[in-house]
Amino acid sequence: MAACSRSSQPMVNPTVVVHLGQPVRQVQENSTYRFPDSFTKPGSVFHVITQPHTFIYSDATLKLQFARNSRYESLGSHIHALSEGTPEPTVYAVTVQAFDDYVDLPTAVAYIRKFRQSLLTQGLAEIPHSTASRFKANFDSTRKADTLDEIEDAFLDSQFFAQRAMALDMTKNNLRLTVTLINGRRLWGDRKDLSDDFMKSAKTRAGSEATKFKRQDLLAERSYSVEISIGDNPNLRK
């Protein structure tokens, strides 16, 4: 009976606790997730976490926590580390996804708005960007998209064919945090329509999409992800 009782308890996902400048050995000591031996080897380290986990970023500058349970490798969490003048690699960048699955555009933008407020509360400041520096899109079709509302509208414009956009670029002390809104179908090609080859020009694909998708289709399609990247900002080093 005791064995049955223990097995019926819910599994607790392992934690990944990390911050910039942290030696990878310390990342392992602070986390319950078991990294491979290669994670602590000298040199350049890049590790993708695809199993369910809780991702925690915590230092004096920023505190964030994400419960991650995605079945897609493309929505895994990334840790980048490098040994440069040090005996072991230290973390210089991390990337985590906001969602466990691909979502529709309104859901993604609503999340970014809420996340922006939480970052402002923690003292991060926004860096302004031009439309051209924000987007990967069809720039044969021009439009201005600076605010979050304008960015959302830009993704509903088939001719502009926005594939991804830096929705937020924020800094505090030496830290830089970016939030990228990605339309996976446009960026990598339609998984169902093999004629939609991502190697074709954005202008060609934009014209094709305009004949197949109505506004309600663009609003409803679950092809969006929200990527949060944290890294060092050398321009803010003292």
Protein backbone atom coordinates (compact mmCIF):
# COMPACT_ATOMS: atom_id res chain seq x y z
CA MET A 1 0.00 0.00 0.00
CA ALA A 2 2.88 2.35 0.81
CA ALA A 3 4.38 1.77 -2.62
CA CYS A 4 1.05 2.56 -4.27
CA SER A 5 0.76 5.75 -2.25
CA ARG A 6 4.20 6.96 -3.31
CA SER A 7 3.65 6.17 -7.00
CA SER A 8 0.35 8.06 -7.04
CA GLN A 9 2.01 11.34 -6.01
CA PRO A 10 2.45 13.85 -8.85
CA MET A 11 5.90 14.07 -10.40
CA VAL A 12 7.76 17.30 -9.70
CA ASN A 13 9.53 18.74 -12.71
CA PRO A 14 13.27 19.40 -12.27
CA THR A 15 14.43 22.98 -11.89
CA VAL A 16 16.99 24.87 -13.96
CA VAL A 17 18.33 27.84 -11.96
CA VAL A 18 20.63 30.14 -13.89
CA HIS A 19 21.90 33.69 -14.32
CA LEU A 20 24.42 35.49 -16.51
CA GLY A 21 28.08 35.15 -15.54
CA GLN A 22 27.41 31.96 -13.59
CA PRO A 23 29.93 29.09 -13.93
CA VAL A 24 28.18 26.06 -15.43
CA ARG A 25 29.23 23.90 -12.48
CA GLN A 26 27.27 26.26 -10.24
CA VAL A 27 24.26 26.03 -12.56
CA GLN A 28 24.30 22.26 -12.02
CA GLU A 29 24.72 22.62 -8.24
CA ASN A 30 21.73 24.96 -7.99
CA SER A 31 19.49 22.95 -10.35
CA THR A 32 17.76 19.60 -9.92
CA TYR A 33 17.82 19.05 -13.70
CA ARG A 34 20.74 16.77 -14.59
CA PHE A 35 22.93 18.26 -17.30
CA PRO A 36 25.14 15.99 -19.45
CA ASP A 37 28.84 15.74 -18.61
CA SER A 38 29.63 17.79 -21.72
CA PHE A 39 27.96 20.80 -20.07
CA THR A 40 30.92 21.34 -17.74
CA LYS A 41 33.69 20.74 -20.28
CA PRO A 42 35.96 23.69 -21.22
CA GLY A 43 35.16 25.52 -24.43
CA SER A 44 31.88 26.63 -25.91
CA VAL A 45 28.73 25.10 -24.41
CA PHE A 46 25.26 25.09 -25.94
CA HIS A 47 22.58 22.99 -24.27
CA VAL A 48 18.89 22.62 -25.17
CA ILE A 49 16.47 21.43 -22.47
CA THR A 50 13.49 19.66 -23.99
CA GLN A 51 12.11 17.63 -21.08
CA PRO A 52 9.56 19.19 -18.70
CA HIS A 53 11.26 21.57 -16.26
CA THR A 54 10.89 24.80 -14.31
CA PHE A 55 13.20 27.47 -15.69
CA ILE A 56 14.29 30.06 -13.10
CA TYR A 57 16.39 33.12 -13.90
CA SER A 58 17.47 34.83 -10.70
CA ASP A 59 20.08 37.47 -9.86
CA ALA A 60 20.14 40.97 -8.38
CA THR A 61 18.95 42.46 -11.69
CA LEU A 62 16.07 40.21 -12.72
CA LYS A 63 13.90 37.39 -11.41
CA LEU A 64 11.75 35.25 -13.73
CA GLN A 65 10.20 31.79 -13.53
CA PHE A 66 8.64 29.66 -16.28
CA ALA A 67 6.99 26.25 -16.00
CA ARG A 68 8.07 24.46 -19.18
CA ASN A 69 6.34 21.32 -20.45
CA SER A 70 6.65 21.43 -24.24
CA ARG A 71 6.77 18.37 -26.48
CA TYR A 72 8.50 20.35 -29.24
CA GLU A 73 12.27 20.63 -29.44
CA SER A 74 11.79 23.98 -31.18
CA LEU A 75 10.25 25.27 -27.93
CA GLY A 76 13.06 24.09 -25.65
CA SER A 77 15.13 26.23 -23.28
CA HIS A 78 18.67 27.16 -24.33
CA ILE A 79 21.77 27.91 -22.27
CA HIS A 80 24.90 29.37 -23.89
CA ALA A 81 28.21 29.36 -22.01
CA LEU A 82 31.83 29.97 -22.91
CA SER A 83 35.20 29.55 -21.19
CA GLU A 84 37.09 32.71 -22.11
CA GLY A 85 40.00 33.33 -19.77
CA THR A 86 38.33 31.11 -17.16
CA PRO A 87 38.90 27.41 -16.28
CA GLU A 88 35.25 26.51 -16.99
CA PRO A 89 32.46 27.92 -19.13
CA THR A 90 30.32 30.72 -17.73
CA VAL A 91 26.80 31.56 -18.89
CA TYR A 92 26.56 34.51 -21.29
CA ALA A 93 23.03 34.03 -22.68
CA VAL A 94 19.82 32.07 -22.08
CA THR A 95 16.64 31.66 -24.09
CA VAL A 96 13.28 30.41 -22.84
CA GLN A 97 9.89 30.10 -24.52
CA ALA A 98 6.76 31.66 -23.02
CA PHE A 99 4.43 28.86 -24.18
CA ASP A 100 4.47 25.06 -24.20
CA ASP A 101 2.74 24.96 -27.59
CA TYR A 102 2.19 27.24 -30.56
CA VAL A 103 -0.58 29.79 -29.99
CA ASP A 104 -2.65 32.29 -31.94
CA LEU A 105 -1.60 35.91 -32.45
CA PRO A 106 -3.96 37.56 -29.90
CA THR A 107 -2.81 35.14 -27.18
CA ALA A 108 0.85 35.84 -27.95
CA VAL A 109 0.46 39.63 -27.99
CA ALA A 110 -1.63 39.63 -24.78
CA TYR A 111 1.18 37.71 -23.06
CA ILE A 112 3.81 40.17 -24.29
CA ARG A 113 1.81 43.13 -22.98
CA LYS A 114 1.51 41.53 -19.53
CA PHE A 115 5.16 40.46 -19.51
CA ARG A 116 6.26 43.99 -20.46
CA GLN A 117 4.52 45.38 -17.38
CA SER A 118 6.27 42.88 -15.12
CA LEU A 119 9.64 43.88 -16.60
CA LEU A 120 8.93 47.59 -16.13
CA THR A 121 8.06 46.84 -12.50
CA GLN A 122 11.52 45.28 -12.09
CA GLY A 123 13.15 48.44 -13.43
CA LEU A 124 13.96 47.46 -17.02
CA ALA A 125 13.91 50.24 -19.62
CA GLU A 126 12.88 49.89 -23.28
CA ILE A 127 15.18 50.53 -26.22
CA PRO A 128 13.38 52.08 -29.21
CA HIS A 129 13.67 50.45 -32.65
CA SER A 130 12.74 51.29 -36.20
CA THR A 131 10.39 48.98 -38.07
CA ALA A 132 13.27 47.77 -40.25
CA SER A 133 15.36 46.80 -37.22
CA ARG A 134 12.44 44.99 -35.55
CA PHE A 135 11.16 42.77 -38.35
CA LYS A 136 12.06 39.95 -40.67
CA ALA A 137 9.39 40.61 -43.31
CA ASN A 138 8.64 41.45 -46.93
CA PHE A 139 9.98 44.99 -47.12
CA ASP A 140 8.78 45.38 -50.68
CA SER A 141 5.54 46.13 -48.81
CA THR A 142 6.25 49.00 -46.42
CA ARG A 143 4.51 49.84 -43.19
CA LYS A 144 5.31 51.44 -39.83
CA ALA A 145 5.08 49.23 -36.74
CA ASP A 146 6.52 50.62 -33.51
CA THR A 147 3.94 49.96 -30.78
CA LEU A 148 2.64 46.53 -29.76
CA ASP A 149 -0.71 47.33 -31.39
CA GLU A 150 1.06 48.20 -34.63
CA ILE A 151 3.19 45.05 -34.41
CA GLU A 152 0.05 42.92 -34.03
CA ASP A 153 -1.54 44.60 -37.05
CA ALA A 154 1.66 44.06 -39.04
CA PHE A 155 1.36 40.28 -38.58
CA LEU A 156 -2.17 40.48 -40.00
CA ASP A 157 -0.88 42.07 -43.21
CA SER A 158 -0.20 39.23 -45.66
CA GLN A 159 1.68 41.49 -48.05
CA PHE A 160 4.07 42.65 -45.29
CA PHE A 161 4.48 38.95 -44.40
CA ALA A 162 6.05 39.44 -40.96
CA GLN A 163 7.95 36.30 -40.02
CA ARG A 164 9.32 37.52 -36.72
CA ALA A 165 9.59 40.77 -34.81
CA MET A 166 11.50 42.01 -31.80
CA ALA A 167 8.46 43.04 -29.80
CA LEU A 168 10.49 44.18 -26.76
CA ASP A 169 14.12 45.17 -26.28
CA MET A 170 14.82 46.08 -22.64
CA THR A 171 17.87 46.70 -20.46
CA LYS A 172 18.90 47.07 -16.84
CA ASN A 173 22.48 47.40 -15.60
CA ASN A 174 24.54 45.14 -17.92
CA LEU A 175 21.60 42.93 -18.86
CA ARG A 176 19.67 42.98 -22.12
CA LEU A 177 16.36 41.15 -22.56
CA THR A 178 14.57 40.75 -25.88
CA VAL A 179 11.14 39.30 -26.60
CA THR A 180 10.69 38.01 -30.15
CA LEU A 181 7.29 37.23 -31.65
CA ILE A 182 7.61 34.48 -34.27
CA ASN A 183 5.18 33.14 -36.86
CA GLY A 184 6.55 29.63 -37.38
CA ARG A 185 4.61 28.92 -40.58
CA ARG A 186 6.01 31.99 -42.30
CA LEU A 187 9.51 31.50 -40.94
CA TRP A 188 9.95 27.77 -41.64
CA GLY A 189 7.21 26.98 -44.18
CA ASP A 190 3.78 25.44 -43.88
CA ARG A 191 3.93 21.89 -42.46
CA LYS A 192 0.77 20.93 -44.39
CA ASP A 193 1.28 22.82 -47.64
CA LEU A 194 4.59 21.58 -49.07
CA SER A 195 4.43 24.17 -51.85
CA ASP A 196 5.04 26.83 -49.21
CA ASP A 197 8.83 26.54 -49.26
CA PHE A 198 10.63 28.91 -46.86
CA MET A 199 13.44 29.18 -49.44
CA LYS A 200 11.13 31.10 -51.78
CA SER A 201 11.27 34.88 -51.60
CA ALA A 202 9.16 36.65 -48.98
CA LYS A 203 7.46 38.61 -51.78
CA THR A 204 6.41 35.40 -53.58
CA ARG A 205 5.17 33.74 -50.38
CA ALA A 206 3.33 36.91 -49.35
CA GLY A 207 1.42 36.96 -52.62
CA SER A 208 0.48 33.31 -52.22
CA GLU A 209 -0.69 33.79 -48.62
CA ALA A 210 -2.86 36.77 -49.59
CA THR A 211 -4.90 34.51 -51.90
CA LYS A 212 -5.35 31.74 -49.30
CA PHE A 213 -5.76 33.47 -45.92
CA LYS A 214 -8.47 35.84 -44.71
CA ARG A 215 -8.05 38.06 -41.64
CA GLN A 216 -9.94 35.59 -39.43
CA ASP A 217 -7.60 32.80 -40.59
CA LEU A 218 -4.55 34.86 -39.63
CA LEU A 219 -6.06 35.62 -36.23
CA ALA A 220 -6.94 31.99 -35.52
CA GLU A 221 -3.86 30.13 -36.76
CA ARG A 222 -1.83 28.58 -33.94
CA SER A 223 1.63 29.15 -35.37
CA TYR A 224 3.05 31.75 -32.97
CA SER A 225 5.74 31.46 -30.32
CA VAL A 226 7.18 34.05 -27.94
CA GLU A 227 10.93 33.75 -27.38
CA ILE A 228 12.57 35.46 -24.40
CA SER A 229 16.34 35.92 -24.61
CA ILE A 230 18.58 37.28 -21.84
CA GLY A 231 22.19 38.25 -22.45
CA ASP A 232 24.97 40.66 -21.62
CA ASN A 233 24.73 44.19 -23.04
CA PRO A 234 28.34 45.36 -23.62
CA ASN A 235 27.09 48.92 -24.30
CA LEU A 236 26.00 49.19 -20.66
CA ARG A 237 29.20 47.89 -19.06
CA LYS A 238 30.66 50.32 -16.55
